[in-house]
Every structure is written in structure tokens, then in C-alpha cells.
């Protein structure tokens, strides 16, 4: 729901991407840097952290040509957890706020992740396209485990129920 001419801080755009999967926000960030250069940096980062089965062709994740694997998504989750934990802290929240710096107008974003706000949920990211169906990467605290458990569900009809099924069997 972003509008041309708004001035939104990058941190707010990232929050919109994380909480409501705002493709507008992803496009705005990549347009600022140049889409091709931005996607090149995404692929370089993936390579740097050992995501050998991943290829990005656009910044939003909407292209069917974007590719990844469960193993690569696990590597990405571990990397983020260890180096950029604020990302997961953002996604564990039920809501967030973004503000147009020109007008001061703020809007509240409601996290589309049904697990947001649960005490055992450390964060995660939803995704879906018609071709890939529903996808979800989640981190949960599980009693008796020192590190969060990473649950990755791809190609589901109900990503939240599938995640709940896996979690209940741990």
C-alpha cells in the first residue's frame, strides 16, 4: 500500500517486508540501489553464507525463477539468528508501525504470521506464490534445547497447521 512520493525510512520498509510481506517495500529498496545491483548483492550474500542451491532473480521473491532449498533456508536462518537477530525480533511481534517522514502519517502493520506474539515463537518469515503455494520458516523455543528449533515448511496448503504439526511432534 505504499504510494509514490512517500518518504519511508529503510528500517520501516524492512519492517513492512518482514511483517506483511510488502513487495512494494522490497521494490522500493531495490529501486533505490538499482534492481540488478541489488539482486547481485542478494546472490553474493547467499554465496558467502554457503547457500549453494539458491538463486535470486528479483528482489521481491515473486519470480518463479527464484530458487532455494530447505538446507539453504536453514543456513540463512542460522546466519540471521547469529548475526542480525533484530530481524527475528521484528517478526515475532504482532504489529509494527511505519511512518511517512514527509507528512508524519503512520500506519500500523499487522503481522500476517499467525505465530506472532506466542511466547515460544522467536520469529520467522511467511511466503507464498501460486506456484510455490504456502511457505513458512519459523524459529521456536523448545524445552530442553539450547538453540531455537528451525522449522521450514514449503509447498503447503496450510503452512501454519503443518508447522504446528511438526512442532507438536518435537
C-alpha atoms as a PDB file:
ATOM      1  CA  UNK A   1       0.000   0.000   0.000  1.00  0.00           C
ATOM      2  CA  UNK A   2       2.911   2.392  -0.418  1.00  0.00           C
ATOM      3  CA  UNK A   3       2.273   5.442  -2.593  1.00  0.00           C
ATOM      4  CA  UNK A   4       4.665   7.248  -4.944  1.00  0.00           C
ATOM      5  CA  UNK A   5       6.141  10.311  -3.267  1.00  0.00           C
ATOM      6  CA  UNK A   6       6.121   8.928   0.283  1.00  0.00           C
ATOM      7  CA  UNK A   7       9.382   9.129   2.199  1.00  0.00           C
ATOM      8  CA  UNK A   8       9.761   5.968   4.267  1.00  0.00           C
ATOM      9  CA  UNK A   9      12.919   5.101   6.195  1.00  0.00           C
ATOM     10  CA  UNK A  10      14.682   1.894   5.104  1.00  0.00           C
ATOM     11  CA  UNK A  11      14.126   0.364   8.546  1.00  0.00           C
ATOM     12  CA  UNK A  12      10.379   0.886   8.147  1.00  0.00           C
ATOM     13  CA  UNK A  13      10.468  -0.632   4.651  1.00  0.00           C
ATOM     14  CA  UNK A  14      12.256  -3.671   6.079  1.00  0.00           C
ATOM     15  CA  UNK A  15       9.603  -3.946   8.795  1.00  0.00           C
ATOM     16  CA  UNK A  16       6.891  -3.867   6.116  1.00  0.00           C
ATOM     17  CA  UNK A  17       8.675  -6.619   4.200  1.00  0.00           C
ATOM     18  CA  UNK A  18       9.019  -8.761   7.305  1.00  0.00           C
ATOM     19  CA  UNK A  19       5.583  -8.253   8.859  1.00  0.00           C
ATOM     20  CA  UNK A  20       3.229  -8.121   5.889  1.00  0.00           C
ATOM     21  CA  UNK A  21       5.424  -9.368   3.020  1.00  0.00           C
ATOM     22  CA  UNK A  22       5.231  -5.963   1.340  1.00  0.00           C
ATOM     23  CA  UNK A  23       6.500  -6.368  -2.194  1.00  0.00           C
ATOM     24  CA  UNK A  24       6.149  -2.577  -2.572  1.00  0.00           C
ATOM     25  CA  UNK A  25       8.744  -2.140   0.168  1.00  0.00           C
ATOM     26  CA  UNK A  26      11.143  -4.659  -1.373  1.00  0.00           C
ATOM     27  CA  UNK A  27      10.795  -2.982  -4.752  1.00  0.00           C
ATOM     28  CA  UNK A  28      11.368   0.477  -3.229  1.00  0.00           C
ATOM     29  CA  UNK A  29      14.610  -0.631  -1.583  1.00  0.00           C
ATOM     30  CA  UNK A  30      15.890  -2.395  -4.685  1.00  0.00           C
ATOM     31  CA  UNK A  31      14.938   0.542  -6.949  1.00  0.00           C
ATOM     32  CA  UNK A  32      16.978   2.857  -4.734  1.00  0.00           C
ATOM     33  CA  UNK A  33      20.088   0.712  -5.225  1.00  0.00           C
ATOM     34  CA  UNK A  34      19.206  -0.490  -8.723  1.00  0.00           C
ATOM     35  CA  UNK A  35      17.355  -3.783  -9.110  1.00  0.00           C
ATOM     36  CA  UNK A  36      20.166  -5.587 -10.918  1.00  0.00           C
ATOM     37  CA  UNK A  37      22.843  -4.496  -8.437  1.00  0.00           C
ATOM     38  CA  UNK A  38      20.567  -5.313  -5.506  1.00  0.00           C
ATOM     39  CA  UNK A  39      19.801  -8.826  -6.761  1.00  0.00           C
ATOM     40  CA  UNK A  40      23.516  -9.322  -7.433  1.00  0.00           C
ATOM     41  CA  UNK A  41      24.207  -8.452  -3.780  1.00  0.00           C
ATOM     42  CA  UNK A  42      21.478 -10.873  -2.662  1.00  0.00           C
ATOM     43  CA  UNK A  43      23.159 -13.657  -4.654  1.00  0.00           C
ATOM     44  CA  UNK A  44      26.597 -12.698  -3.320  1.00  0.00           C
ATOM     45  CA  UNK A  45      25.329 -12.859   0.265  1.00  0.00           C
ATOM     46  CA  UNK A  46      23.745 -16.245  -0.411  1.00  0.00           C
ATOM     47  CA  UNK A  47      27.069 -17.486  -1.789  1.00  0.00           C
ATOM     48  CA  UNK A  48      29.022 -16.010   1.135  1.00  0.00           C
ATOM     49  CA  UNK A  49      26.986 -17.971   3.674  1.00  0.00           C
ATOM     50  CA  UNK A  50      27.148 -21.207   1.679  1.00  0.00           C
ATOM     51  CA  UNK A  51      23.700 -21.239   0.112  1.00  0.00           C
ATOM     52  CA  UNK A  52      24.830 -23.256  -2.918  1.00  0.00           C
ATOM     53  CA  UNK A  53      21.328 -24.165  -4.130  1.00  0.00           C
ATOM     54  CA  UNK A  54      19.953 -20.631  -4.112  1.00  0.00           C
ATOM     55  CA  UNK A  55      19.494 -18.207  -6.994  1.00  0.00           C
ATOM     56  CA  UNK A  56      17.665 -14.889  -6.813  1.00  0.00           C
ATOM     57  CA  UNK A  57      16.428 -13.163  -9.975  1.00  0.00           C
ATOM     58  CA  UNK A  58      14.297 -10.452  -8.392  1.00  0.00           C
ATOM     59  CA  UNK A  59      14.134  -8.581  -5.104  1.00  0.00           C
ATOM     60  CA  UNK A  60      10.558  -9.465  -4.178  1.00  0.00           C
ATOM     61  CA  UNK A  61      10.731 -13.246  -4.389  1.00  0.00           C
ATOM     62  CA  UNK A  62       7.756 -13.360  -6.735  1.00  0.00           C
ATOM     63  CA  UNK A  63       9.530 -14.744  -9.805  1.00  0.00           C
ATOM     64  CA  UNK A  64       9.216 -18.491 -10.376  1.00  0.00           C
ATOM     65  CA  UNK A  65      12.892 -18.369 -11.356  1.00  0.00           C
ATOM     66  CA  UNK A  66      13.959 -17.666  -7.770  1.00  0.00           C
ATOM     67  CA  UNK A  67      15.279 -20.931  -6.340  1.00  0.00           C
ATOM     68  CA  UNK A  68      16.349 -22.207  -2.944  1.00  0.00           C
ATOM     69  CA  UNK A  69      16.457 -25.380  -0.871  1.00  0.00           C
ATOM     70  CA  UNK A  70      15.406 -26.291   2.650  1.00  0.00           C
ATOM     71  CA  UNK A  71      19.081 -26.685   3.570  1.00  0.00           C
ATOM     72  CA  UNK A  72      19.908 -23.209   2.237  1.00  0.00           C
ATOM     73  CA  UNK A  73      16.974 -21.675   4.104  1.00  0.00           C
ATOM     74  CA  UNK A  74      18.252 -23.332   7.280  1.00  0.00           C
ATOM     75  CA  UNK A  75      21.701 -21.807   6.667  1.00  0.00           C
ATOM     76  CA  UNK A  76      20.083 -18.401   6.126  1.00  0.00           C
ATOM     77  CA  UNK A  77      18.037 -18.685   9.332  1.00  0.00           C
ATOM     78  CA  UNK A  78      21.112 -19.657  11.357  1.00  0.00           C
ATOM     79  CA  UNK A  79      23.125 -16.807   9.839  1.00  0.00           C
ATOM     80  CA  UNK A  80      20.415 -14.255  10.615  1.00  0.00           C
ATOM     81  CA  UNK A  81      19.917 -15.611  14.156  1.00  0.00           C
ATOM     82  CA  UNK A  82      23.648 -15.262  14.880  1.00  0.00           C
ATOM     83  CA  UNK A  83      24.457 -12.012  13.066  1.00  0.00           C
ATOM     84  CA  UNK A  84      21.240  -9.982  12.630  1.00  0.00           C
ATOM     85  CA  UNK A  85      18.894 -11.181  15.407  1.00  0.00           C
ATOM     86  CA  UNK A  86      16.845  -7.947  15.237  1.00  0.00           C
ATOM     87  CA  UNK A  87      15.270  -9.393  12.078  1.00  0.00           C
ATOM     88  CA  UNK A  88      13.712 -12.227  14.034  1.00  0.00           C
ATOM     89  CA  UNK A  89      12.831  -9.900  16.923  1.00  0.00           C
ATOM     90  CA  UNK A  90      10.859  -7.814  14.429  1.00  0.00           C
ATOM     91  CA  UNK A  91       8.977 -10.822  13.087  1.00  0.00           C
ATOM     92  CA  UNK A  92       7.978 -12.155  16.495  1.00  0.00           C
ATOM     93  CA  UNK A  93       5.835  -9.038  17.068  1.00  0.00           C
ATOM     94  CA  UNK A  94       2.116  -8.930  16.268  1.00  0.00           C
ATOM     95  CA  UNK A  95       2.338  -5.378  14.924  1.00  0.00           C
ATOM     96  CA  UNK A  96       4.730  -2.716  13.758  1.00  0.00           C
ATOM     97  CA  UNK A  97       4.475   0.909  12.665  1.00  0.00           C
ATOM     98  CA  UNK A  98       5.838   2.654   9.591  1.00  0.00           C
ATOM     99  CA  UNK A  99       5.850   6.420   9.159  1.00  0.00           C
ATOM    100  CA  UNK A 100       5.927   8.722   6.161  1.00  0.00           C
ATOM    101  CA  UNK A 101       8.739  11.094   7.110  1.00  0.00           C
ATOM    102  CA  UNK A 102       7.332  13.892   4.932  1.00  0.00           C
ATOM    103  CA  UNK A 103       3.856  14.007   6.451  1.00  0.00           C
ATOM    104  CA  UNK A 104       4.305  12.234   9.788  1.00  0.00           C
ATOM    105  CA  UNK A 105       1.442   9.901   8.826  1.00  0.00           C
ATOM    106  CA  UNK A 106       1.915   6.490  10.462  1.00  0.00           C
ATOM    107  CA  UNK A 107       0.249   3.211   9.719  1.00  0.00           C
ATOM    108  CA  UNK A 108       0.133   0.105  11.847  1.00  0.00           C
ATOM    109  CA  UNK A 109       1.106  -3.146  10.194  1.00  0.00           C
ATOM    110  CA  UNK A 110      -0.442  -6.374  11.486  1.00  0.00           C
ATOM    111  CA  UNK A 111       1.895  -9.347  11.156  1.00  0.00           C
ATOM    112  CA  UNK A 112       0.430 -11.968   8.812  1.00  0.00           C
ATOM    113  CA  UNK A 113       2.257 -14.714  10.714  1.00  0.00           C
ATOM    114  CA  UNK A 114      -0.249 -16.477  12.998  1.00  0.00           C
ATOM    115  CA  UNK A 115       2.541 -17.405  15.433  1.00  0.00           C
ATOM    116  CA  UNK A 116       3.481 -13.768  16.126  1.00  0.00           C
ATOM    117  CA  UNK A 117       3.116 -12.952  19.797  1.00  0.00           C
ATOM    118  CA  UNK A 118       3.393 -16.546  21.021  1.00  0.00           C
ATOM    119  CA  UNK A 119       5.906 -16.795  23.876  1.00  0.00           C
ATOM    120  CA  UNK A 120       7.736 -19.742  22.263  1.00  0.00           C
ATOM    121  CA  UNK A 121       7.978 -18.056  18.836  1.00  0.00           C
ATOM    122  CA  UNK A 122      11.297 -16.341  18.090  1.00  0.00           C
ATOM    123  CA  UNK A 123      10.283 -15.139  14.634  1.00  0.00           C
ATOM    124  CA  UNK A 124      10.104 -16.249  11.050  1.00  0.00           C
ATOM    125  CA  UNK A 125       9.008 -15.373   7.554  1.00  0.00           C
ATOM    126  CA  UNK A 126       5.985 -16.288   5.512  1.00  0.00           C
ATOM    127  CA  UNK A 127       5.901 -16.549   1.754  1.00  0.00           C
ATOM    128  CA  UNK A 128       3.566 -17.675  -0.965  1.00  0.00           C
ATOM    129  CA  UNK A 129       3.079 -17.642  -4.688  1.00  0.00           C
ATOM    130  CA  UNK A 130       0.585 -19.614  -6.748  1.00  0.00           C
ATOM    131  CA  UNK A 131       3.405 -21.849  -7.992  1.00  0.00           C
ATOM    132  CA  UNK A 132       5.155 -22.392  -4.632  1.00  0.00           C
ATOM    133  CA  UNK A 133       1.970 -22.430  -2.537  1.00  0.00           C
ATOM    134  CA  UNK A 134       2.366 -21.538   1.168  1.00  0.00           C
ATOM    135  CA  UNK A 135       5.812 -21.454   2.774  1.00  0.00           C
ATOM    136  CA  UNK A 136       6.983 -20.659   6.283  1.00  0.00           C
ATOM    137  CA  UNK A 137      10.306 -20.508   8.084  1.00  0.00           C
ATOM    138  CA  UNK A 138       9.946 -20.341  11.875  1.00  0.00           C
ATOM    139  CA  UNK A 139      12.154 -20.371  14.944  1.00  0.00           C
ATOM    140  CA  UNK A 140      10.726 -21.734  18.179  1.00  0.00           C
ATOM    141  CA  UNK A 141      11.950 -22.262  21.700  1.00  0.00           C
ATOM    142  CA  UNK A 142      11.571 -25.930  22.594  1.00  0.00           C
ATOM    143  CA  UNK A 143      12.076 -27.017  26.212  1.00  0.00           C
ATOM    144  CA  UNK A 144      15.313 -28.919  26.714  1.00  0.00           C
ATOM    145  CA  UNK A 145      17.029 -27.448  23.661  1.00  0.00           C
ATOM    146  CA  UNK A 146      19.717 -24.802  23.975  1.00  0.00           C
ATOM    147  CA  UNK A 147      19.217 -23.368  20.482  1.00  0.00           C
ATOM    148  CA  UNK A 148      15.957 -22.443  18.783  1.00  0.00           C
ATOM    149  CA  UNK A 149      14.410 -25.094  16.561  1.00  0.00           C
ATOM    150  CA  UNK A 150      14.103 -24.065  12.916  1.00  0.00           C
ATOM    151  CA  UNK A 151      11.012 -25.366  11.143  1.00  0.00           C
ATOM    152  CA  UNK A 152      10.746 -24.896   7.389  1.00  0.00           C
ATOM    153  CA  UNK A 153       7.539 -25.741   5.532  1.00  0.00           C
ATOM    154  CA  UNK A 154       7.426 -25.455   1.752  1.00  0.00           C
ATOM    155  CA  UNK A 155       4.589 -26.076  -0.691  1.00  0.00           C
ATOM    156  CA  UNK A 156       1.868 -26.391   1.932  1.00  0.00           C
ATOM    157  CA  UNK A 157      -1.848 -25.849   1.710  1.00  0.00           C
ATOM    158  CA  UNK A 158      -1.808 -24.611   5.334  1.00  0.00           C
ATOM    159  CA  UNK A 159       1.720 -23.614   6.386  1.00  0.00           C
ATOM    160  CA  UNK A 160       0.672 -22.780   9.932  1.00  0.00           C
ATOM    161  CA  UNK A 161      -1.020 -26.130  10.554  1.00  0.00           C
ATOM    162  CA  UNK A 162       1.927 -28.009   9.045  1.00  0.00           C
ATOM    163  CA  UNK A 163       4.316 -26.083  11.292  1.00  0.00           C
ATOM    164  CA  UNK A 164       2.105 -26.771  14.314  1.00  0.00           C
ATOM    165  CA  UNK A 165       2.089 -30.499  13.433  1.00  0.00           C
ATOM    166  CA  UNK A 166       5.897 -30.607  13.295  1.00  0.00           C
ATOM    167  CA  UNK A 167       6.250 -28.580  16.499  1.00  0.00           C
ATOM    168  CA  UNK A 168       3.875 -30.837  18.415  1.00  0.00           C
ATOM    169  CA  UNK A 169       5.986 -33.876  17.476  1.00  0.00           C
ATOM    170  CA  UNK A 170       9.282 -32.485  18.829  1.00  0.00           C
END
